[in-house]
Amino acid sequence: MPNGEHQISLTSASASPEEAAAAIAAVERFLRETAAPAQSAAPSANPWARAALLEGAGHEPDAPSPWGDPVPW
């Protein structure tokens, strides 16, 4: 699998290489299709609330944050 979260192997000696590959592919497909959806990015803050917070803290709106982030949120 591309994300490498699962390591799947088939240890039965009775399956042919083609059967083993098909079984592994089916399990990997099942895991991809039933995985939880990716988390979406948190919504950005309201621009008015951001301006009020920056003003209250004594920061300019275009200045970097105290941690050096160009756009803090």
N, C-alpha and C. Protein backbone atom coordinates (compact mmCIF):
# COMPACT_ATOMS: atom_id res chain seq x y z
N MET A 1 0.85 -1.18 0.00
CA MET A 1 0.00 0.00 0.00
C MET A 1 0.89 1.24 0.00
N PRO A 2 0.46 2.30 -0.63
CA PRO A 2 1.32 3.46 -0.76
C PRO A 2 1.64 4.15 0.56
N ASN A 3 0.73 4.16 1.51
CA ASN A 3 1.01 4.85 2.76
C ASN A 3 1.78 3.99 3.75
N GLY A 4 1.91 2.70 3.50
CA GLY A 4 2.72 1.81 4.32
C GLY A 4 2.19 1.55 5.72
N GLU A 5 0.92 1.78 5.97
CA GLU A 5 0.38 1.57 7.31
C GLU A 5 0.21 0.09 7.63
N HIS A 6 -0.03 -0.73 6.63
CA HIS A 6 -0.30 -2.15 6.87
C HIS A 6 0.74 -2.99 6.15
N GLN A 7 1.14 -4.06 6.78
CA GLN A 7 2.02 -5.03 6.15
C GLN A 7 1.25 -6.34 6.09
N ILE A 8 0.92 -6.78 4.88
CA ILE A 8 0.11 -7.97 4.69
C ILE A 8 0.96 -9.03 4.00
N SER A 9 0.87 -10.25 4.49
CA SER A 9 1.56 -11.35 3.81
C SER A 9 0.69 -12.60 3.91
N LEU A 10 0.81 -13.45 2.91
CA LEU A 10 0.07 -14.70 2.86
C LEU A 10 1.06 -15.82 3.12
N THR A 11 0.80 -16.66 4.11
CA THR A 11 1.78 -17.67 4.50
C THR A 11 1.36 -19.09 4.15
N SER A 12 0.28 -19.25 3.43
CA SER A 12 -0.18 -20.59 3.05
C SER A 12 0.66 -21.12 1.90
N ALA A 13 1.09 -22.37 2.00
CA ALA A 13 1.89 -22.98 0.94
C ALA A 13 1.01 -23.54 -0.17
N SER A 14 -0.30 -23.64 0.04
CA SER A 14 -1.17 -24.26 -0.95
C SER A 14 -1.61 -23.28 -2.04
N ALA A 15 -1.39 -22.00 -1.89
CA ALA A 15 -1.80 -21.03 -2.90
C ALA A 15 -0.69 -20.83 -3.92
N SER A 16 -1.10 -20.70 -5.19
CA SER A 16 -0.12 -20.40 -6.23
C SER A 16 0.30 -18.93 -6.07
N PRO A 17 1.41 -18.53 -6.67
CA PRO A 17 1.81 -17.12 -6.58
C PRO A 17 0.73 -16.17 -7.10
N GLU A 18 0.02 -16.57 -8.16
CA GLU A 18 -1.04 -15.72 -8.70
C GLU A 18 -2.20 -15.60 -7.71
N GLU A 19 -2.58 -16.74 -7.08
CA GLU A 19 -3.66 -16.71 -6.10
C GLU A 19 -3.27 -15.88 -4.87
N ALA A 20 -2.04 -16.03 -4.45
CA ALA A 20 -1.57 -15.25 -3.30
C ALA A 20 -1.59 -13.76 -3.62
N ALA A 21 -1.13 -13.39 -4.81
CA ALA A 21 -1.13 -11.98 -5.21
C ALA A 21 -2.56 -11.44 -5.29
N ALA A 22 -3.48 -12.23 -5.80
CA ALA A 22 -4.87 -11.81 -5.90
C ALA A 22 -5.49 -11.62 -4.52
N ALA A 23 -5.19 -12.54 -3.60
CA ALA A 23 -5.74 -12.43 -2.25
C ALA A 23 -5.20 -11.18 -1.54
N ILE A 24 -3.90 -10.95 -1.67
CA ILE A 24 -3.30 -9.77 -1.05
C ILE A 24 -3.86 -8.50 -1.66
N ALA A 25 -4.01 -8.46 -2.98
CA ALA A 25 -4.57 -7.29 -3.65
C ALA A 25 -6.00 -7.03 -3.18
N ALA A 26 -6.78 -8.09 -3.00
CA ALA A 26 -8.16 -7.92 -2.54
C ALA A 26 -8.21 -7.35 -1.13
N VAL A 27 -7.34 -7.83 -0.25
CA VAL A 27 -7.32 -7.32 1.12
C VAL A 27 -6.87 -5.86 1.13
N GLU A 28 -5.83 -5.53 0.34
CA GLU A 28 -5.36 -4.15 0.28
C GLU A 28 -6.45 -3.22 -0.27
N ARG A 29 -7.18 -3.68 -1.28
CA ARG A 29 -8.27 -2.88 -1.83
C ARG A 29 -9.35 -2.66 -0.77
N PHE A 30 -9.68 -3.72 -0.05
CA PHE A 30 -10.67 -3.60 1.02
C PHE A 30 -10.23 -2.57 2.06
N LEU A 31 -8.96 -2.62 2.46
CA LEU A 31 -8.46 -1.67 3.45
C LEU A 31 -8.52 -0.24 2.94
N ARG A 32 -8.18 -0.02 1.67
CA ARG A 32 -8.25 1.33 1.09
C ARG A 32 -9.69 1.83 1.05
N GLU A 33 -10.61 0.96 0.63
CA GLU A 33 -12.01 1.38 0.46
C GLU A 33 -12.74 1.59 1.78
N THR A 34 -12.29 0.95 2.84
CA THR A 34 -12.98 1.08 4.12
C THR A 34 -12.21 1.94 5.11
N ALA A 35 -11.14 2.56 4.68
CA ALA A 35 -10.35 3.42 5.56
C ALA A 35 -11.15 4.68 5.90
N ALA A 36 -10.85 5.24 7.05
CA ALA A 36 -11.50 6.48 7.46
C ALA A 36 -11.08 7.60 6.51
N PRO A 37 -11.97 8.53 6.21
CA PRO A 37 -11.60 9.63 5.32
C PRO A 37 -10.52 10.50 5.94
N ALA A 38 -9.73 11.11 5.09
CA ALA A 38 -8.66 11.98 5.56
C ALA A 38 -9.26 13.18 6.29
N GLN A 39 -8.57 13.63 7.30
CA GLN A 39 -9.03 14.79 8.04
C GLN A 39 -8.86 16.04 7.20
N SER A 40 -9.90 16.85 7.12
CA SER A 40 -9.80 18.10 6.37
C SER A 40 -9.13 19.16 7.24
N ALA A 41 -8.58 20.15 6.59
CA ALA A 41 -7.93 21.23 7.31
C ALA A 41 -8.96 22.00 8.12
N ALA A 42 -8.54 22.48 9.25
CA ALA A 42 -9.44 23.25 10.09
C ALA A 42 -9.82 24.55 9.37
N PRO A 43 -11.06 24.98 9.51
CA PRO A 43 -11.45 26.22 8.84
C PRO A 43 -10.65 27.39 9.39
N SER A 44 -10.34 28.33 8.51
CA SER A 44 -9.57 29.49 8.95
C SER A 44 -10.43 30.37 9.85
N ALA A 45 -9.77 31.14 10.67
CA ALA A 45 -10.48 32.00 11.61
C ALA A 45 -11.19 33.13 10.86
N ASN A 46 -12.24 33.61 11.45
CA ASN A 46 -12.96 34.75 10.92
C ASN A 46 -11.99 35.93 10.83
N PRO A 47 -11.91 36.62 9.69
CA PRO A 47 -10.96 37.73 9.57
C PRO A 47 -11.18 38.84 10.60
N TRP A 48 -12.43 39.07 10.97
CA TRP A 48 -12.70 40.11 11.97
C TRP A 48 -12.20 39.66 13.34
N ALA A 49 -12.41 38.40 13.68
CA ALA A 49 -11.93 37.88 14.96
C ALA A 49 -10.41 37.90 15.00
N ARG A 50 -9.78 37.55 13.87
CA ARG A 50 -8.31 37.57 13.80
C ARG A 50 -7.79 38.98 14.01
N ALA A 51 -8.41 39.96 13.34
CA ALA A 51 -7.98 41.35 13.50
C ALA A 51 -8.13 41.81 14.94
N ALA A 52 -9.24 41.43 15.57
CA ALA A 52 -9.47 41.83 16.96
C ALA A 52 -8.44 41.20 17.89
N LEU A 53 -8.12 39.93 17.67
CA LEU A 53 -7.12 39.27 18.50
C LEU A 53 -5.75 39.90 18.31
N LEU A 54 -5.38 40.20 17.07
CA LEU A 54 -4.09 40.83 16.81
C LEU A 54 -4.03 42.22 17.43
N GLU A 55 -5.10 42.98 17.29
CA GLU A 55 -5.13 44.32 17.87
C GLU A 55 -5.04 44.25 19.39
N GLY A 56 -5.77 43.33 19.98
CA GLY A 56 -5.76 43.19 21.43
C GLY A 56 -4.40 42.76 21.96
N ALA A 57 -3.65 42.02 21.17
CA ALA A 57 -2.33 41.56 21.59
C ALA A 57 -1.22 42.53 21.18
N GLY A 58 -1.59 43.61 20.48
CA GLY A 58 -0.60 44.61 20.09
C GLY A 58 0.22 44.22 18.88
N HIS A 59 -0.30 43.38 18.01
CA HIS A 59 0.42 42.96 16.80
C HIS A 59 -0.19 43.62 15.58
N GLU A 60 0.65 43.90 14.60
CA GLU A 60 0.17 44.40 13.32
C GLU A 60 -0.41 43.23 12.53
N PRO A 61 -1.47 43.44 11.75
CA PRO A 61 -2.08 42.33 11.00
C PRO A 61 -1.14 41.66 10.00
N ASP A 62 -0.22 42.42 9.41
CA ASP A 62 0.68 41.84 8.41
C ASP A 62 2.00 41.37 8.99
N ALA A 63 2.22 41.57 10.27
CA ALA A 63 3.48 41.17 10.90
C ALA A 63 3.47 39.66 11.15
N PRO A 64 4.66 39.04 11.15
CA PRO A 64 4.70 37.60 11.47
C PRO A 64 4.33 37.37 12.93
N SER A 65 3.94 36.15 13.22
CA SER A 65 3.59 35.80 14.59
C SER A 65 4.86 35.80 15.44
N PRO A 66 4.73 35.72 16.76
CA PRO A 66 5.92 35.66 17.61
C PRO A 66 6.80 34.45 17.31
N TRP A 67 6.25 33.43 16.64
CA TRP A 67 7.02 32.23 16.30
C TRP A 67 7.63 32.33 14.91
N GLY A 68 7.39 33.45 14.21
CA GLY A 68 7.98 33.66 12.90
C GLY A 68 7.14 33.17 11.75
N ASP A 69 5.93 32.72 12.00
CA ASP A 69 5.06 32.27 10.91
C ASP A 69 4.63 33.47 10.08
N PRO A 70 4.74 33.41 8.76
CA PRO A 70 4.32 34.55 7.94
C PRO A 70 2.82 34.82 8.04
N VAL A 71 2.01 33.77 8.06
CA VAL A 71 0.56 33.91 8.23
C VAL A 71 0.18 32.96 9.36
N PRO A 72 -0.04 33.45 10.57
CA PRO A 72 -0.24 32.55 11.70
C PRO A 72 -1.48 31.69 11.62
N TRP A 73 -2.61 32.19 11.03
CA TRP A 73 -3.79 31.37 10.91
C TRP A 73 -4.64 31.83 9.80
